[in-house]
Amino acid sequence: MNEAGAITPATVGAVAIPVSTGRTSRPIATGLQRLPSWLIPALAYLGLFLITRSFLFGNPVVHIDEQFYLLVAERMRDGAVPYVDIWDRKPIGLFILYEAFTALPGDALLAYQFGAALATAGTALVISRLAREIASPAASWQAGAAYVLFMPAFNAGMGQAPVFYNLLVAGAALIVVDAMKRNEDQALVGRGCAAMLLLGLAIQIKYTVIFEGAALGLMLLARGFADIWTMRRLAGVALLWVAVALLPTLAAISWYAGIGHLDAFIYANFVSIFERGSDGARSYGRLAKEFAALLPVWLAIFRAPRMFDTSGGLWPRSHGMLKIWGAVACLGFLLFGTWYDHYVAPLLVPLCVLAAPALARVQRGQRWYGRFLLGFAALAGTVVPVYQVWRHGTTAQYAEMSALIAQEMRGGCLFIFEGELAFYRTIPTCLPTTRIFPNHLNTFIESTAVGMDPTAEVRRILAHRPDVVLMWAPQKLYLPNLETRAVMAKGLAREYERYARYTLGTREYWLYRLRPNLRKPAGPNAAR
């Protein structure tokens, strides 16, 4: 018994006899200790996602890309074949992933959005683990939080492709970092196969992953070279790892060859991107804006070495590998030249890891770097989604406009020449064209890269007299396809009448229906 009168553990011989101290917190603490070490940080990241994106859940017009992925997935479930029945140049893996969300019970829209929440939280967790290589536990957790907060700033707050493949790439990088620290590791070949399989799956969500995949593969080979592998073994293992990385893509190629549509797959996936035009000065403006938005990250990264050194530490070997990964990711982003906002999202994984040391409280005068990074991320990650909802519309606005369209549908097709693709999902309609993504037919830069003549396709669509046509109110557009717009103007003037106008978000839409003498009686929809 101690001075306070509490009973303490006693020992008899060499055996400890635990006895009660009268405290009730020990069972709770013991229960928490039994939880997996990753669970509480993961739940914290998930909670951060839900708090900052709560107002986006259930909104069908968060981003037009996400609308398209979900539409394709639902049509795939009904038998449509991507690149044949619905055309795009995204890898098939992205559509398969969304198809898996549609197979879940409940609303497919909420399913993919909650899937995005889990993927974002998982990626943040891996980022924090990678950041532990070069930063303290507290700073590492904040690096993951910075990722969660920053993603919406680049229009990747919900279900954009990087939200999902970032998790696969981060997982592969974690395997490589672990492998780089193991000398004479007998399991290196197997670890490399695991990393390459994750990268191969990521490639089938977005092909630009190939740059990061190549860099990580070379790092694994460098580990083998350091372990004094023979050149013959290095070559053999390199071929094995390349084969594993290409396996998902080869599987997709084989499937399309088997159904007789290999040419459609090859053109959409590997040829069309090089035929797309450039939007010139607009793309450089986007690049400048994105560089400025990443300024807090650049400050944190380039200040981090000095801040780490002042604490008396030395950079571990893995720091060089992380820097190479970040540099290659940036190079892959720059090479493609279009520089849309969500293309920045893959960079955030290595950049948040590299910025982690700046998030540690090492010196009072240098703490502001980390605070600036997290504060800016929180502000930008909130303002941008709010702006997007204001610009594209709320769920209530969408429902009102959807009712206006549905009332004029007579079992035929809706044609969205300009506007939100979600209406193809929520209104019973056939699809008037395989090129349903509006930009494929209404922009100049896509006019030579969709595998057909857009002007002839628009003529064909109007000749089949869709029930309702959606257009933006006349406005100044950037690099429109003037030929297809001229065809639309003539066709609408000849056979259609404007029956409604509606402002969805900040866009005013004009809704057209066939003239009374051309309308057919309403009937069951042919598309369903």
Protein backbone atom coordinates (compact mmCIF):
# COMPACT_ATOMS: atom_id res chain seq x y z
CA MET A 1 0.00 0.00 0.00
CA ASN A 2 1.38 3.40 -0.93
CA GLU A 3 1.18 6.72 0.89
CA ALA A 4 -2.23 7.51 -0.59
CA GLY A 5 -3.61 4.22 0.64
CA ALA A 6 -3.98 2.68 -2.84
CA ILE A 7 -3.27 -1.01 -3.31
CA THR A 8 -0.44 -1.67 -5.80
CA PRO A 9 0.71 -4.85 -7.55
CA ALA A 10 2.60 -7.14 -5.24
CA THR A 11 5.14 -9.72 -6.09
CA VAL A 12 5.52 -13.16 -4.56
CA GLY A 13 8.83 -14.61 -5.54
CA ALA A 14 9.26 -13.87 -9.23
CA VAL A 15 5.54 -13.83 -10.06
CA ALA A 16 3.67 -10.51 -10.36
CA ILE A 17 0.17 -10.56 -8.90
CA PRO A 18 -2.00 -7.78 -10.42
CA VAL A 19 -4.55 -6.41 -7.99
CA SER A 20 -7.12 -3.67 -8.37
CA THR A 21 -6.15 -0.04 -7.89
CA GLY A 22 -9.72 1.17 -7.85
CA ARG A 23 -9.37 2.95 -11.21
CA THR A 24 -11.94 2.43 -13.98
CA SER A 25 -9.97 3.81 -16.94
CA ARG A 26 -7.65 0.83 -17.35
CA PRO A 27 -10.16 -1.41 -19.22
CA ILE A 28 -10.94 1.43 -21.62
CA ALA A 29 -7.25 2.13 -22.23
CA THR A 30 -6.62 -1.58 -22.70
CA GLY A 31 -9.48 -1.74 -25.21
CA LEU A 32 -8.04 1.14 -27.20
CA GLN A 33 -4.62 -0.48 -27.18
CA ARG A 34 -6.13 -3.58 -28.75
CA LEU A 35 -7.38 -1.60 -31.75
CA PRO A 36 -5.20 -1.67 -34.88
CA SER A 37 -2.77 1.24 -34.77
CA TRP A 38 -3.98 2.54 -38.13
CA LEU A 39 -7.69 2.58 -37.29
CA ILE A 40 -7.96 5.81 -35.27
CA PRO A 41 -5.91 7.91 -37.77
CA ALA A 42 -7.95 6.42 -40.62
CA LEU A 43 -11.23 7.31 -38.90
CA ALA A 44 -9.90 10.81 -38.27
CA TYR A 45 -9.12 11.25 -41.97
CA LEU A 46 -12.53 9.86 -42.89
CA GLY A 47 -14.18 12.26 -40.49
CA LEU A 48 -12.23 15.16 -41.96
CA PHE A 49 -13.42 14.16 -45.44
CA LEU A 50 -17.05 13.91 -44.35
CA ILE A 51 -16.95 17.27 -42.57
CA THR A 52 -15.40 19.16 -45.48
CA ARG A 53 -17.49 17.46 -48.22
CA SER A 54 -20.81 16.99 -46.44
CA PHE A 55 -22.63 19.48 -48.66
CA LEU A 56 -21.54 17.62 -51.82
CA PHE A 57 -23.08 14.26 -51.00
CA GLY A 58 -26.11 13.50 -53.14
CA ASN A 59 -25.43 16.33 -55.59
CA PRO A 60 -25.53 14.76 -59.10
CA VAL A 61 -23.62 17.64 -60.76
CA VAL A 62 -20.47 17.84 -58.64
CA HIS A 63 -18.23 17.44 -61.71
CA ILE A 64 -19.05 16.49 -65.29
CA ASP A 65 -16.33 13.82 -65.38
CA GLU A 66 -17.87 12.01 -62.43
CA GLN A 67 -21.29 12.27 -64.06
CA PHE A 68 -19.87 10.59 -67.14
CA TYR A 69 -18.10 7.77 -65.27
CA LEU A 70 -21.29 6.89 -63.39
CA LEU A 71 -23.39 7.06 -66.54
CA VAL A 72 -21.05 4.73 -68.43
CA ALA A 73 -20.98 2.33 -65.48
CA GLU A 74 -24.77 2.13 -65.31
CA ARG A 75 -25.02 1.58 -69.05
CA MET A 76 -22.33 -1.12 -68.80
CA ARG A 77 -24.52 -2.85 -66.26
CA ASP A 78 -27.24 -2.80 -68.92
CA GLY A 79 -24.89 -4.27 -71.55
CA ALA A 80 -23.15 -1.28 -73.13
CA VAL A 81 -19.52 -1.73 -74.22
CA PRO A 82 -17.18 1.23 -73.61
CA TYR A 83 -15.44 2.61 -76.73
CA VAL A 84 -18.11 0.91 -78.87
CA ASP A 85 -21.52 1.95 -77.52
CA ILE A 86 -20.22 4.91 -75.48
CA TRP A 87 -16.95 6.48 -76.55
CA ASP A 88 -14.23 8.00 -74.40
CA ARG A 89 -10.47 7.67 -73.98
CA LYS A 90 -10.34 6.83 -70.26
CA PRO A 91 -9.01 3.34 -69.40
CA ILE A 92 -11.55 0.58 -68.89
CA GLY A 93 -10.47 0.06 -65.27
CA LEU A 94 -12.03 3.38 -64.26
CA PHE A 95 -15.41 2.35 -65.67
CA ILE A 96 -15.17 -1.10 -64.09
CA LEU A 97 -14.52 0.54 -60.73
CA TYR A 98 -17.61 2.70 -61.09
CA GLU A 99 -19.59 -0.32 -62.27
CA ALA A 100 -18.66 -1.98 -58.97
CA PHE A 101 -20.17 1.01 -57.14
CA THR A 102 -23.41 0.64 -59.11
CA ALA A 103 -23.61 -3.00 -58.00
CA LEU A 104 -23.83 -1.95 -54.35
CA PRO A 105 -27.29 -1.66 -52.79
CA GLY A 106 -28.81 1.80 -52.63
CA ASP A 107 -28.14 4.94 -54.63
CA ALA A 108 -25.19 4.53 -57.02
CA LEU A 109 -24.44 8.24 -56.69
CA LEU A 110 -23.93 7.98 -52.93
CA ALA A 111 -22.07 4.68 -53.37
CA TYR A 112 -19.29 6.19 -55.49
CA GLN A 113 -19.13 9.27 -53.25
CA PHE A 114 -18.67 7.16 -50.12
CA GLY A 115 -16.18 5.05 -52.08
CA ALA A 116 -14.26 8.26 -52.76
CA ALA A 117 -14.32 9.05 -49.04
CA LEU A 118 -12.76 5.67 -48.18
CA ALA A 119 -10.16 5.99 -50.96
CA THR A 120 -9.16 9.49 -49.83
CA ALA A 121 -8.86 8.45 -46.19
CA GLY A 122 -6.86 5.37 -47.18
CA THR A 123 -4.47 7.43 -49.29
CA ALA A 124 -4.00 9.93 -46.46
CA LEU A 125 -3.16 7.05 -44.14
CA VAL A 126 -0.47 5.77 -46.53
CA ILE A 127 0.88 9.31 -46.92
CA SER A 128 1.25 9.58 -43.15
CA ARG A 129 3.11 6.27 -43.09
CA LEU A 130 5.46 7.38 -45.87
CA ALA A 131 6.00 10.72 -44.14
CA ARG A 132 7.19 8.87 -41.02
CA GLU A 133 10.37 8.18 -42.97
CA ILE A 134 11.33 11.85 -42.73
CA ALA A 135 9.12 13.46 -40.08
CA SER A 136 7.68 13.03 -36.60
CA PRO A 137 4.39 11.15 -36.02
CA ALA A 138 2.45 14.38 -35.44
CA ALA A 139 3.85 16.01 -38.57
CA SER A 140 3.22 12.85 -40.57
CA TRP A 141 -0.44 12.79 -39.56
CA GLN A 142 -0.75 16.42 -40.61
CA ALA A 143 0.74 15.55 -44.02
CA GLY A 144 -2.17 13.15 -44.56
CA ALA A 145 -4.61 15.81 -43.37
CA ALA A 146 -3.11 18.29 -45.86
CA TYR A 147 -3.85 15.79 -48.65
CA VAL A 148 -7.50 15.41 -47.57
CA LEU A 149 -7.93 19.18 -47.40
CA PHE A 150 -6.07 20.03 -50.59
CA MET A 151 -7.78 17.60 -52.99
CA PRO A 152 -10.98 19.67 -53.48
CA ALA A 153 -8.86 22.72 -54.34
CA PHE A 154 -8.02 20.94 -57.60
CA ASN A 155 -11.54 19.72 -58.37
CA ALA A 156 -10.78 16.26 -57.01
CA GLY A 157 -12.88 16.46 -53.89
CA MET A 158 -15.16 13.54 -54.71
CA GLY A 159 -14.88 10.86 -57.39
CA GLN A 160 -12.31 12.08 -59.89
CA ALA A 161 -10.00 9.36 -61.20
CA PRO A 162 -6.93 10.40 -59.10
CA VAL A 163 -8.94 9.92 -55.91
CA PHE A 164 -8.87 6.19 -56.59
CA TYR A 165 -5.57 5.54 -58.33
CA ASN A 166 -3.63 7.70 -55.85
CA LEU A 167 -4.30 5.00 -53.26
CA LEU A 168 -2.80 2.33 -55.51
CA VAL A 169 0.27 4.42 -56.36
CA ALA A 170 0.85 5.38 -52.73
CA GLY A 171 0.60 1.72 -51.73
CA ALA A 172 3.16 0.77 -54.38
CA ALA A 173 5.50 3.55 -53.20
CA LEU A 174 5.23 2.28 -49.63
CA ILE A 175 6.27 -1.20 -50.77
CA VAL A 176 9.23 0.25 -52.65
CA VAL A 177 10.34 2.41 -49.70
CA ASP A 178 10.23 -0.63 -47.45
CA ALA A 179 12.16 -2.70 -50.00
CA MET A 180 14.85 -0.04 -50.40
CA LYS A 181 15.71 -0.35 -46.71
CA ARG A 182 16.20 -4.13 -46.81
CA ASN A 183 19.65 -5.41 -47.73
CA GLU A 184 19.84 -8.82 -49.40
CA ASP A 185 16.08 -9.26 -49.11
CA GLN A 186 15.06 -12.72 -50.32
CA ALA A 187 11.51 -11.48 -50.90
CA LEU A 188 12.50 -8.52 -53.12
CA VAL A 189 11.17 -10.13 -56.30
CA GLY A 190 7.80 -10.78 -54.66
CA ARG A 191 7.64 -7.30 -53.18
CA GLY A 192 8.40 -5.86 -56.60
CA CYS A 193 5.59 -7.93 -58.15
CA ALA A 194 3.15 -6.62 -55.56
CA ALA A 195 4.16 -3.01 -56.25
CA MET A 196 3.98 -3.49 -60.01
CA LEU A 197 0.53 -5.08 -59.79
CA LEU A 198 -0.77 -2.08 -57.85
CA LEU A 199 0.76 0.24 -60.45
CA GLY A 200 -0.69 -1.84 -63.28
CA LEU A 201 -4.17 -1.50 -61.79
CA ALA A 202 -3.59 2.24 -61.38
CA ILE A 203 -2.55 2.50 -65.04
CA GLN A 204 -5.95 1.11 -66.00
CA ILE A 205 -7.54 4.03 -64.20
CA LYS A 206 -5.20 6.66 -65.68
CA TYR A 207 -2.37 6.02 -68.13
CA THR A 208 -0.17 8.83 -66.83
CA VAL A 209 0.70 6.59 -63.87
CA ILE A 210 3.21 4.91 -66.20
CA PHE A 211 5.79 7.63 -65.40
CA GLU A 212 5.66 7.02 -61.66
CA GLY A 213 5.55 3.28 -62.30
CA ALA A 214 8.74 3.40 -64.34
CA ALA A 215 10.54 5.42 -61.65
CA LEU A 216 9.50 3.08 -58.85
CA GLY A 217 10.46 0.05 -60.95
CA LEU A 218 13.94 1.47 -61.55
CA MET A 219 14.34 2.05 -57.82
CA LEU A 220 13.56 -1.61 -57.18
CA LEU A 221 16.14 -2.61 -59.77
CA ALA A 222 18.64 -0.29 -58.07
CA ARG A 223 18.01 -2.21 -54.88
CA GLY A 224 18.75 -5.43 -56.72
CA PHE A 225 21.90 -3.95 -58.23
CA ALA A 226 23.05 -2.86 -54.77
CA ASP A 227 22.50 -6.44 -53.61
CA ILE A 228 24.98 -7.52 -56.32
CA TRP A 229 22.49 -9.24 -58.59
CA THR A 230 23.95 -10.44 -61.87
CA MET A 231 23.01 -8.58 -65.03
CA ARG A 232 21.15 -11.66 -66.21
CA ARG A 233 19.06 -11.74 -63.07
CA LEU A 234 18.42 -8.01 -63.23
CA ALA A 235 17.19 -8.32 -66.83
CA GLY A 236 14.99 -11.30 -66.03
CA VAL A 237 13.40 -9.68 -62.99
CA ALA A 238 12.92 -6.42 -64.91
CA LEU A 239 10.97 -8.29 -67.61
CA LEU A 240 8.90 -10.02 -64.92
CA TRP A 241 8.02 -6.75 -63.21
CA VAL A 242 7.14 -5.06 -66.52
CA ALA A 243 4.90 -8.01 -67.41
CA VAL A 244 3.11 -7.81 -64.06
CA ALA A 245 2.59 -4.06 -64.47
CA LEU A 246 1.15 -4.55 -67.96
CA LEU A 247 -1.05 -7.48 -66.98
CA PRO A 248 -4.28 -5.49 -66.40
CA THR A 249 -3.84 -3.61 -69.69
CA LEU A 250 -3.05 -6.83 -71.59
CA ALA A 251 -6.16 -8.40 -70.09
CA ALA A 252 -8.28 -5.51 -71.38
CA ILE A 253 -6.68 -5.74 -74.82
CA SER A 254 -7.32 -9.48 -74.94
CA TRP A 255 -10.96 -9.06 -73.99
CA TYR A 256 -11.61 -6.46 -76.68
CA ALA A 257 -9.78 -8.61 -79.23
CA GLY A 258 -12.02 -11.50 -78.24
CA ILE A 259 -15.22 -9.55 -78.91
CA GLY A 260 -13.90 -8.15 -82.20
CA HIS A 261 -13.43 -4.51 -81.14
CA LEU A 262 -9.67 -4.31 -80.64
CA ASP A 263 -9.41 -1.43 -83.14
CA ALA A 264 -11.90 0.65 -81.13
CA PHE A 265 -9.98 -0.02 -77.92
CA ILE A 266 -6.59 0.83 -79.43
CA TYR A 267 -7.80 4.06 -81.01
CA ALA A 268 -9.60 5.33 -77.91
CA ASN A 269 -6.87 4.39 -75.43
CA PHE A 270 -3.63 5.00 -77.30
CA VAL A 271 -4.20 7.06 -80.45
CA SER A 272 -6.91 9.67 -79.92
CA ILE A 273 -5.05 11.57 -77.20
CA PHE A 274 -2.33 12.51 -79.68
CA GLU A 275 -4.89 13.83 -82.16
CA ARG A 276 -6.48 16.25 -79.72
CA GLY A 277 -5.83 19.93 -80.33
CA SER A 278 -4.47 22.50 -77.89
CA ASP A 279 -6.36 25.36 -76.30
CA GLY A 280 -3.25 27.51 -76.40
CA ALA A 281 -2.99 30.36 -73.92
CA ARG A 282 -5.79 28.98 -71.73
CA SER A 283 -3.67 25.95 -70.81
CA TYR A 284 -0.73 28.14 -69.73
CA GLY A 285 -3.10 30.19 -67.62
CA ARG A 286 -4.24 27.02 -65.86
CA LEU A 287 -0.61 26.01 -65.27
CA ALA A 288 0.21 29.37 -63.69
CA LYS A 289 -2.87 29.19 -61.47
CA GLU A 290 -2.01 25.67 -60.33
CA PHE A 291 1.60 26.58 -59.62
CA ALA A 292 0.39 29.49 -57.49
CA ALA A 293 -2.09 27.26 -55.64
CA LEU A 294 0.77 24.91 -54.74
CA LEU A 295 2.91 27.74 -53.38
CA PRO A 296 2.39 26.71 -49.72
CA VAL A 297 3.55 23.21 -50.62
CA TRP A 298 6.64 24.47 -52.45
CA LEU A 299 7.54 26.68 -49.46
CA ALA A 300 7.16 23.77 -47.08
CA ILE A 301 9.23 21.40 -49.23
CA PHE A 302 12.12 23.75 -49.96
CA ARG A 303 12.25 24.96 -46.35
CA ALA A 304 11.98 21.45 -44.92
CA PRO A 305 15.66 20.41 -45.32
CA ARG A 306 16.97 23.35 -43.26
CA MET A 307 14.27 22.85 -40.66
CA PHE A 308 15.12 19.17 -40.34
CA ASP A 309 18.85 19.81 -40.12
CA THR A 310 18.42 22.39 -37.33
CA SER A 311 16.91 19.66 -35.17
CA GLY A 312 20.19 17.75 -35.43
CA GLY A 313 18.91 14.96 -37.67
CA LEU A 314 20.19 13.52 -40.90
CA TRP A 315 18.02 12.63 -43.86
CA PRO A 316 17.37 8.89 -44.16
CA ARG A 317 18.10 6.97 -47.34
CA SER A 318 14.41 6.90 -48.27
CA HIS A 319 14.33 10.69 -48.56
CA GLY A 320 16.18 10.53 -51.88
CA MET A 321 13.70 7.98 -53.20
CA LEU A 322 10.77 10.18 -52.16
CA LYS A 323 12.31 13.19 -53.92
CA ILE A 324 12.80 11.22 -57.14
CA TRP A 325 9.20 10.02 -56.99
CA GLY A 326 7.94 13.59 -56.54
CA ALA A 327 10.09 14.91 -59.38
CA VAL A 328 8.90 12.20 -61.80
CA ALA A 329 5.27 12.81 -60.86
CA CYS A 330 5.72 16.51 -61.64
CA LEU A 331 7.43 15.71 -64.92
CA GLY A 332 4.58 13.41 -65.98
CA PHE A 333 2.11 16.18 -65.22
CA LEU A 334 4.04 18.74 -67.28
CA LEU A 335 4.52 16.51 -70.33
CA PHE A 336 0.83 16.22 -71.23
CA GLY A 337 0.37 19.95 -71.63
CA THR A 338 -3.37 20.36 -70.99
CA TRP A 339 -2.91 20.92 -67.24
CA TYR A 340 -6.49 20.67 -66.08
CA ASP A 341 -6.97 21.23 -62.35
CA HIS A 342 -7.59 17.60 -61.41
CA TYR A 343 -4.34 16.57 -63.12
CA VAL A 344 -2.58 18.13 -60.13
CA ALA A 345 -4.19 15.66 -57.72
CA PRO A 346 -1.60 12.85 -58.30
CA LEU A 347 1.19 15.26 -57.40
CA LEU A 348 -0.28 15.85 -53.98
CA VAL A 349 0.69 12.37 -52.76
CA PRO A 350 4.50 12.72 -52.99
CA LEU A 351 4.40 16.48 -52.38
CA CYS A 352 2.47 16.14 -49.10
CA VAL A 353 4.96 13.48 -47.99
CA LEU A 354 7.92 15.73 -48.80
CA ALA A 355 6.28 18.69 -47.04
CA ALA A 356 5.81 16.74 -43.80
CA PRO A 357 9.01 17.95 -42.03
CA ALA A 358 7.81 21.53 -42.32
CA LEU A 359 4.73 20.59 -40.32
CA ALA A 360 6.83 19.74 -37.25
CA ARG A 361 7.22 22.39 -34.57
CA VAL A 362 10.98 22.70 -34.56
CA GLN A 363 11.60 26.41 -34.08
CA ARG A 364 9.14 29.13 -33.16
CA GLY A 365 10.15 31.35 -36.07
CA GLN A 366 9.64 28.56 -38.60
CA ARG A 367 6.30 27.18 -37.48
CA TRP A 368 4.37 29.41 -39.86
CA TYR A 369 5.30 27.26 -42.91
CA GLY A 370 3.27 24.34 -41.66
CA ARG A 371 0.45 26.52 -40.41
CA PHE A 372 0.31 28.35 -43.74
CA LEU A 373 0.18 25.03 -45.62
CA LEU A 374 -2.66 23.56 -43.54
CA GLY A 375 -4.56 26.83 -43.33
CA PHE A 376 -4.38 27.45 -47.05
CA ALA A 377 -5.38 23.84 -47.78
CA ALA A 378 -8.39 24.12 -45.49
CA LEU A 379 -9.47 27.43 -47.03
CA ALA A 380 -8.96 26.41 -50.66
CA GLY A 381 -10.43 22.96 -50.10
CA THR A 382 -13.63 24.59 -48.82
CA VAL A 383 -13.94 27.58 -51.12
CA VAL A 384 -13.48 25.66 -54.38
CA PRO A 385 -16.26 23.08 -53.77
CA VAL A 386 -18.61 25.84 -52.60
CA TYR A 387 -17.80 27.73 -55.80
CA GLN A 388 -18.43 24.61 -57.90
CA VAL A 389 -21.87 24.09 -56.35
CA TRP A 390 -22.67 27.75 -56.94
CA ARG A 391 -21.51 27.46 -60.54
CA HIS A 392 -23.00 24.08 -61.51
CA GLY A 393 -26.12 24.05 -59.36
CA THR A 394 -27.69 22.55 -56.27
CA THR A 395 -29.55 19.26 -55.97
CA ALA A 396 -32.86 21.15 -55.74
CA GLN A 397 -32.14 23.17 -58.88
CA TYR A 398 -31.17 20.01 -60.71
CA ALA A 399 -34.45 18.32 -59.75
CA GLU A 400 -36.48 21.29 -61.03
CA MET A 401 -34.70 21.36 -64.37
CA SER A 402 -34.93 17.58 -64.67
CA ALA A 403 -38.72 17.82 -64.31
CA LEU A 404 -38.85 20.41 -67.10
CA ILE A 405 -37.00 18.05 -69.42
CA ALA A 406 -38.93 14.91 -68.44
CA GLN A 407 -42.30 16.48 -69.17
CA GLU A 408 -41.45 16.71 -72.87
CA MET A 409 -39.89 13.26 -73.29
CA ARG A 410 -41.99 10.97 -75.48
CA GLY A 411 -40.06 7.74 -75.41
CA GLY A 412 -37.23 8.95 -77.61
CA CYS A 413 -33.89 10.63 -76.92
CA LEU A 414 -32.62 13.59 -75.00
CA PHE A 415 -29.68 15.33 -76.70
CA ILE A 416 -27.35 17.35 -74.49
CA PHE A 417 -25.29 19.42 -76.87
CA GLU A 418 -24.15 21.55 -73.93
CA GLY A 419 -24.69 20.96 -70.26
CA GLU A 420 -24.65 18.42 -67.45
CA LEU A 421 -24.48 14.74 -68.40
CA ALA A 422 -26.36 13.63 -65.30
CA PHE A 423 -29.66 14.20 -67.10
CA TYR A 424 -28.89 11.14 -69.25
CA ARG A 425 -28.87 9.15 -65.99
CA THR A 426 -31.90 10.48 -64.19
CA ILE A 427 -34.29 10.88 -67.14
CA PRO A 428 -35.46 7.80 -69.07
CA THR A 429 -33.86 8.28 -72.47
CA CYS A 430 -31.99 6.52 -75.19
CA LEU A 431 -28.54 7.84 -76.04
CA PRO A 432 -28.58 9.74 -79.35
CA THR A 433 -24.89 9.17 -80.09
CA THR A 434 -21.88 7.21 -78.94
CA ARG A 435 -20.10 10.56 -78.41
CA ILE A 436 -22.31 11.71 -75.56
CA PHE A 437 -19.67 13.71 -73.69
CA PRO A 438 -20.62 17.24 -74.88
CA ASN A 439 -17.04 18.44 -75.44
CA HIS A 440 -16.50 15.74 -78.04
CA LEU A 441 -18.99 17.42 -80.37
CA ASN A 442 -19.03 21.07 -79.32
CA THR A 443 -15.35 22.02 -78.97
CA PHE A 444 -12.66 22.74 -81.49
CA ILE A 445 -9.85 20.90 -79.70
CA GLU A 446 -11.77 17.59 -79.80
CA SER A 447 -12.95 17.87 -83.39
CA THR A 448 -10.07 15.80 -84.83
CA ALA A 449 -9.72 13.33 -81.96
CA VAL A 450 -13.03 11.46 -81.58
CA GLY A 451 -12.75 8.98 -84.44
CA MET A 452 -15.53 10.52 -86.56
CA ASP A 453 -16.62 13.76 -88.18
CA PRO A 454 -18.44 15.71 -85.42
CA THR A 455 -20.38 17.83 -87.92
CA ALA A 456 -21.74 14.79 -89.72
CA GLU A 457 -22.60 13.20 -86.38
CA VAL A 458 -24.60 16.23 -85.23
CA ARG A 459 -26.50 16.21 -88.53
CA ARG A 460 -27.29 12.53 -88.01
CA ILE A 461 -28.51 13.15 -84.47
CA LEU A 462 -30.85 15.94 -85.52
CA ALA A 463 -32.14 13.87 -88.44
CA HIS A 464 -33.41 11.34 -85.89
CA ARG A 465 -35.31 14.14 -84.11
CA PRO A 466 -34.52 13.81 -80.40
CA ASP A 467 -37.45 14.76 -78.17
CA VAL A 468 -35.58 17.44 -76.21
CA VAL A 469 -32.36 19.32 -76.96
CA LEU A 470 -30.33 21.08 -74.28
CA MET A 471 -28.28 24.20 -75.10
CA TRP A 472 -26.65 26.99 -73.16
CA ALA A 473 -28.08 30.43 -73.74
CA PRO A 474 -25.99 32.35 -76.29
CA GLN A 475 -22.70 33.45 -74.74
CA LYS A 476 -19.05 33.95 -75.59
CA LEU A 477 -17.37 30.55 -75.64
CA TYR A 478 -13.70 29.60 -75.70
CA LEU A 479 -12.68 27.67 -78.86
CA PRO A 480 -16.09 26.23 -79.76
CA ASN A 481 -16.66 23.97 -82.76
CA LEU A 482 -18.23 26.55 -85.06
CA GLU A 483 -19.29 23.96 -87.64
CA THR A 484 -21.33 21.85 -85.24
CA ARG A 485 -22.85 24.95 -83.68
CA ALA A 486 -23.96 26.16 -87.11
CA VAL A 487 -25.63 22.81 -87.78
CA MET A 488 -27.38 23.01 -84.42
CA ALA A 489 -28.63 26.55 -85.07
CA LYS A 490 -30.14 25.59 -88.44
CA GLY A 491 -31.68 22.37 -87.17
CA LEU A 492 -33.24 23.98 -84.12
CA ALA A 493 -34.67 26.86 -86.15
CA ARG A 494 -36.19 24.46 -88.67
CA GLU A 495 -37.79 21.78 -86.48
CA TYR A 496 -37.69 22.87 -82.84
CA GLU A 497 -39.17 25.48 -80.53
CA ARG A 498 -37.79 26.76 -77.26
CA TYR A 499 -40.25 25.91 -74.53
CA ALA A 500 -38.33 26.77 -71.36
CA ARG A 501 -35.29 28.49 -69.98
CA TYR A 502 -33.72 27.61 -66.67
CA THR A 503 -30.69 28.81 -64.73
CA LEU A 504 -28.80 25.86 -63.23
CA GLY A 505 -26.04 27.27 -61.07
CA THR A 506 -24.74 30.22 -63.05
CA ARG A 507 -25.57 28.81 -66.50
CA GLU A 508 -28.77 29.69 -68.29
CA TYR A 509 -30.10 26.78 -70.33
CA TRP A 510 -32.48 26.86 -73.25
CA LEU A 511 -34.68 23.79 -73.61
CA TYR A 512 -35.99 22.87 -77.05
CA ARG A 513 -38.75 20.48 -78.10
CA LEU A 514 -39.97 19.37 -81.50
CA ARG A 515 -42.59 21.58 -83.12
CA PRO A 516 -46.16 20.36 -82.48
CA ASN A 517 -46.66 18.93 -85.98
CA LEU A 518 -43.50 16.80 -85.63
CA ARG A 519 -44.11 15.37 -82.16
CA LYS A 520 -45.09 11.77 -81.66
CA PRO A 521 -47.45 10.63 -78.92
CA ALA A 522 -45.84 9.89 -75.59
CA GLY A 523 -45.02 6.21 -75.12
CA PRO A 524 -42.76 3.80 -73.31
CA ASN A 525 -39.12 4.73 -73.50
CA ALA A 526 -37.11 2.65 -75.93
CA ALA A 527 -33.89 2.99 -73.98
CA ARG A 528 -35.04 1.23 -70.86
